[in-house]
Amino acid sequence: QAQLVESGGGLVQAGGSLRLSCAASVSILTINAMGWYRQAPGKQRELVASITSGGITNYLDSVKGRFTISRDNAKVTVHLQMNNLKPEDTAVYYCHLNRKFGLLEAWGQGTLVTVSS
């Protein structure tokens, strides 16, 4: 079973930056895509950003131009650089792994990002 280890959440003031990282315990060859979702209190979980094995990225409209997703294939790790953070970015951020060959997807344990105004 795949495991995802997240790091990098925390408390930051509005306008600040944070970098989230997620390391996967699987072969890079089995990965379709990795991404970050977030869930704020009382709201549904939403996709923030994703990156496919081919390097295609996708972003939530509200984070375009502020967040950047990248990957390190050698370390099977995905990063989310978050700049110009806003209070509305406050949420628990979850790493997600989508796999090939019918292998099960996986979720990280979640990391809290709090942006104060």
C-alpha atoms as a PDB file:
ATOM      1  CA  GLN A   1       0.000   0.000   0.000  1.00  0.00           C
ATOM      2  CA  ALA A   2       1.324   3.396  -0.959  1.00  0.00           C
ATOM      3  CA  GLN A   3       2.200   5.830   1.777  1.00  0.00           C
ATOM      4  CA  LEU A   4       2.458   9.590   1.479  1.00  0.00           C
ATOM      5  CA  VAL A   5       4.408  11.693   3.947  1.00  0.00           C
ATOM      6  CA  GLU A   6       3.596  15.392   3.973  1.00  0.00           C
ATOM      7  CA  SER A   7       5.506  18.273   5.473  1.00  0.00           C
ATOM      8  CA  GLY A   8       5.635  22.043   5.415  1.00  0.00           C
ATOM      9  CA  GLY A   9       2.363  23.345   6.803  1.00  0.00           C
ATOM     10  CA  GLY A  10       2.160  26.017   9.456  1.00  0.00           C
ATOM     11  CA  LEU A  11       1.075  29.524  10.386  1.00  0.00           C
ATOM     12  CA  VAL A  12       1.943  32.463   8.181  1.00  0.00           C
ATOM     13  CA  GLN A  13       0.788  36.043   7.804  1.00  0.00           C
ATOM     14  CA  ALA A  14      -1.114  37.167   4.735  1.00  0.00           C
ATOM     15  CA  GLY A  15       1.289  37.828   1.888  1.00  0.00           C
ATOM     16  CA  GLY A  16       3.738  35.234   3.161  1.00  0.00           C
ATOM     17  CA  SER A  17       4.905  31.975   1.659  1.00  0.00           C
ATOM     18  CA  LEU A  18       4.959  28.305   2.535  1.00  0.00           C
ATOM     19  CA  ARG A  19       6.234  25.220   0.760  1.00  0.00           C
ATOM     20  CA  LEU A  20       4.494  21.887   1.119  1.00  0.00           C
ATOM     21  CA  SER A  21       6.214  18.628   0.266  1.00  0.00           C
ATOM     22  CA  CYS A  22       4.873  15.113  -0.200  1.00  0.00           C
ATOM     23  CA  ALA A  23       7.041  12.022  -0.542  1.00  0.00           C
ATOM     24  CA  ALA A  24       5.548   8.814  -1.948  1.00  0.00           C
ATOM     25  CA  SER A  25       6.718   5.310  -1.095  1.00  0.00           C
ATOM     26  CA  VAL A  26       6.119   3.926  -4.598  1.00  0.00           C
ATOM     27  CA  SER A  27       7.941   3.615  -7.884  1.00  0.00           C
ATOM     28  CA  ILE A  28       7.709   6.706 -10.065  1.00  0.00           C
ATOM     29  CA  LEU A  29       6.787   4.363 -12.917  1.00  0.00           C
ATOM     30  CA  THR A  30       3.424   3.571 -11.310  1.00  0.00           C
ATOM     31  CA  ILE A  31       2.334   7.200 -10.926  1.00  0.00           C
ATOM     32  CA  ASN A  32      -0.251   8.850 -13.154  1.00  0.00           C
ATOM     33  CA  ALA A  33      -0.373  12.104 -11.252  1.00  0.00           C
ATOM     34  CA  MET A  34       0.179  13.684  -7.870  1.00  0.00           C
ATOM     35  CA  GLY A  35      -1.619  16.643  -6.478  1.00  0.00           C
ATOM     36  CA  TRP A  36      -2.745  18.711  -3.535  1.00  0.00           C
ATOM     37  CA  TYR A  37      -6.295  19.101  -2.309  1.00  0.00           C
ATOM     38  CA  ARG A  38      -7.503  21.292   0.511  1.00  0.00           C
ATOM     39  CA  GLN A  39     -10.467  21.348   2.813  1.00  0.00           C
ATOM     40  CA  ALA A  40     -11.508  24.341   4.847  1.00  0.00           C
ATOM     41  CA  PRO A  41     -13.916  24.042   7.785  1.00  0.00           C
ATOM     42  CA  GLY A  42     -17.463  23.563   6.563  1.00  0.00           C
ATOM     43  CA  LYS A  43     -16.405  23.295   2.931  1.00  0.00           C
ATOM     44  CA  GLN A  44     -15.879  20.478   0.469  1.00  0.00           C
ATOM     45  CA  ARG A  45     -12.449  19.210  -0.408  1.00  0.00           C
ATOM     46  CA  GLU A  46     -11.170  20.856  -3.585  1.00  0.00           C
ATOM     47  CA  LEU A  47      -8.282  20.248  -5.948  1.00  0.00           C
ATOM     48  CA  VAL A  48      -5.651  22.944  -5.587  1.00  0.00           C
ATOM     49  CA  ALA A  49      -3.014  21.742  -8.032  1.00  0.00           C
ATOM     50  CA  SER A  50      -1.882  18.593  -9.778  1.00  0.00           C
ATOM     51  CA  ILE A  51       0.951  17.407 -11.980  1.00  0.00           C
ATOM     52  CA  THR A  52       0.889  14.397 -14.272  1.00  0.00           C
ATOM     53  CA  SER A  53       3.673  11.982 -15.069  1.00  0.00           C
ATOM     54  CA  GLY A  54       4.074  13.915 -18.305  1.00  0.00           C
ATOM     55  CA  GLY A  55       4.515  17.180 -16.441  1.00  0.00           C
ATOM     56  CA  ILE A  56       1.119  18.685 -17.229  1.00  0.00           C
ATOM     57  CA  THR A  57      -0.048  20.945 -14.428  1.00  0.00           C
ATOM     58  CA  ASN A  58      -3.496  22.043 -13.402  1.00  0.00           C
ATOM     59  CA  TYR A  59      -4.464  24.739 -10.883  1.00  0.00           C
ATOM     60  CA  LEU A  60      -7.520  25.980  -9.065  1.00  0.00           C
ATOM     61  CA  ASP A  61      -8.380  29.358 -10.557  1.00  0.00           C
ATOM     62  CA  SER A  62      -8.023  31.169  -7.252  1.00  0.00           C
ATOM     63  CA  VAL A  63      -4.389  30.054  -6.805  1.00  0.00           C
ATOM     64  CA  LYS A  64      -3.135  30.600 -10.354  1.00  0.00           C
ATOM     65  CA  GLY A  65      -0.146  32.909 -10.372  1.00  0.00           C
ATOM     66  CA  ARG A  66       0.462  32.364  -6.643  1.00  0.00           C
ATOM     67  CA  PHE A  67       0.998  28.608  -6.265  1.00  0.00           C
ATOM     68  CA  THR A  68       3.405  26.399  -8.195  1.00  0.00           C
ATOM     69  CA  ILE A  69       3.449  22.616  -8.171  1.00  0.00           C
ATOM     70  CA  SER A  70       6.628  20.779  -9.051  1.00  0.00           C
ATOM     71  CA  ARG A  71       8.067  17.309  -8.692  1.00  0.00           C
ATOM     72  CA  ASP A  72      11.344  15.581  -8.006  1.00  0.00           C
ATOM     73  CA  ASN A  73      11.177  12.244  -9.808  1.00  0.00           C
ATOM     74  CA  ALA A  74      14.348  10.909  -8.208  1.00  0.00           C
ATOM     75  CA  LYS A  75      12.845  11.364  -4.742  1.00  0.00           C
ATOM     76  CA  VAL A  76       9.252  10.625  -5.842  1.00  0.00           C
ATOM     77  CA  THR A  77       8.261  13.887  -4.209  1.00  0.00           C
ATOM     78  CA  VAL A  78       5.902  16.663  -5.157  1.00  0.00           C
ATOM     79  CA  HIS A  79       6.137  20.217  -3.858  1.00  0.00           C
ATOM     80  CA  LEU A  80       3.628  23.024  -3.650  1.00  0.00           C
ATOM     81  CA  GLN A  81       5.164  26.472  -3.409  1.00  0.00           C
ATOM     82  CA  MET A  82       2.551  28.871  -2.089  1.00  0.00           C
ATOM     83  CA  ASN A  83       3.260  32.591  -2.379  1.00  0.00           C
ATOM     84  CA  ASN A  84       1.191  35.646  -1.534  1.00  0.00           C
ATOM     85  CA  LEU A  85      -0.962  33.578   0.770  1.00  0.00           C
ATOM     86  CA  LYS A  86      -4.398  34.866   1.696  1.00  0.00           C
ATOM     87  CA  PRO A  87      -6.607  34.119   4.708  1.00  0.00           C
ATOM     88  CA  GLU A  88      -8.961  32.222   2.383  1.00  0.00           C
ATOM     89  CA  ASP A  89      -6.137  29.757   1.686  1.00  0.00           C
ATOM     90  CA  THR A  90      -6.471  28.528   5.270  1.00  0.00           C
ATOM     91  CA  ALA A  91      -7.282  24.819   5.163  1.00  0.00           C
ATOM     92  CA  VAL A  92      -5.973  21.337   5.718  1.00  0.00           C
ATOM     93  CA  TYR A  93      -3.961  20.409   2.643  1.00  0.00           C
ATOM     94  CA  TYR A  94      -3.885  16.786   1.516  1.00  0.00           C
ATOM     95  CA  CYS A  95      -1.468  15.159  -0.872  1.00  0.00           C
ATOM     96  CA  HIS A  96      -3.052  12.778  -3.375  1.00  0.00           C
ATOM     97  CA  LEU A  97      -1.546  10.035  -5.494  1.00  0.00           C
ATOM     98  CA  ASN A  98      -3.195   8.656  -8.621  1.00  0.00           C
ATOM     99  CA  ARG A  99      -1.639   5.469  -9.936  1.00  0.00           C
ATOM    100  CA  LYS A 100      -1.478   3.402 -13.104  1.00  0.00           C
ATOM    101  CA  PHE A 101      -2.337  -0.240 -13.716  1.00  0.00           C
ATOM    102  CA  GLY A 102      -5.406  -0.179 -11.473  1.00  0.00           C
ATOM    103  CA  LEU A 103      -3.336   0.385  -8.365  1.00  0.00           C
ATOM    104  CA  LEU A 104      -5.106   2.038  -5.465  1.00  0.00           C
ATOM    105  CA  GLU A 105      -4.935   5.772  -5.012  1.00  0.00           C
ATOM    106  CA  ALA A 106      -3.541   7.179  -1.774  1.00  0.00           C
ATOM    107  CA  TRP A 107      -4.037  10.210   0.447  1.00  0.00           C
ATOM    108  CA  GLY A 108      -1.681  11.896   2.846  1.00  0.00           C
ATOM    109  CA  GLN A 109      -2.606  12.541   6.456  1.00  0.00           C
ATOM    110  CA  GLY A 110      -3.118  16.255   5.855  1.00  0.00           C
ATOM    111  CA  THR A 111      -1.138  19.294   6.906  1.00  0.00           C
ATOM    112  CA  LEU A 112      -2.698  22.452   8.295  1.00  0.00           C
ATOM    113  CA  VAL A 113      -2.025  25.789   6.646  1.00  0.00           C
ATOM    114  CA  THR A 114      -3.232  28.840   8.552  1.00  0.00           C
ATOM    115  CA  VAL A 115      -2.981  32.310   7.062  1.00  0.00           C
ATOM    116  CA  SER A 116      -3.606  35.183   9.435  1.00  0.00           C
ATOM    117  CA  SER A 117      -4.821  38.566   8.270  1.00  0.00           C
END
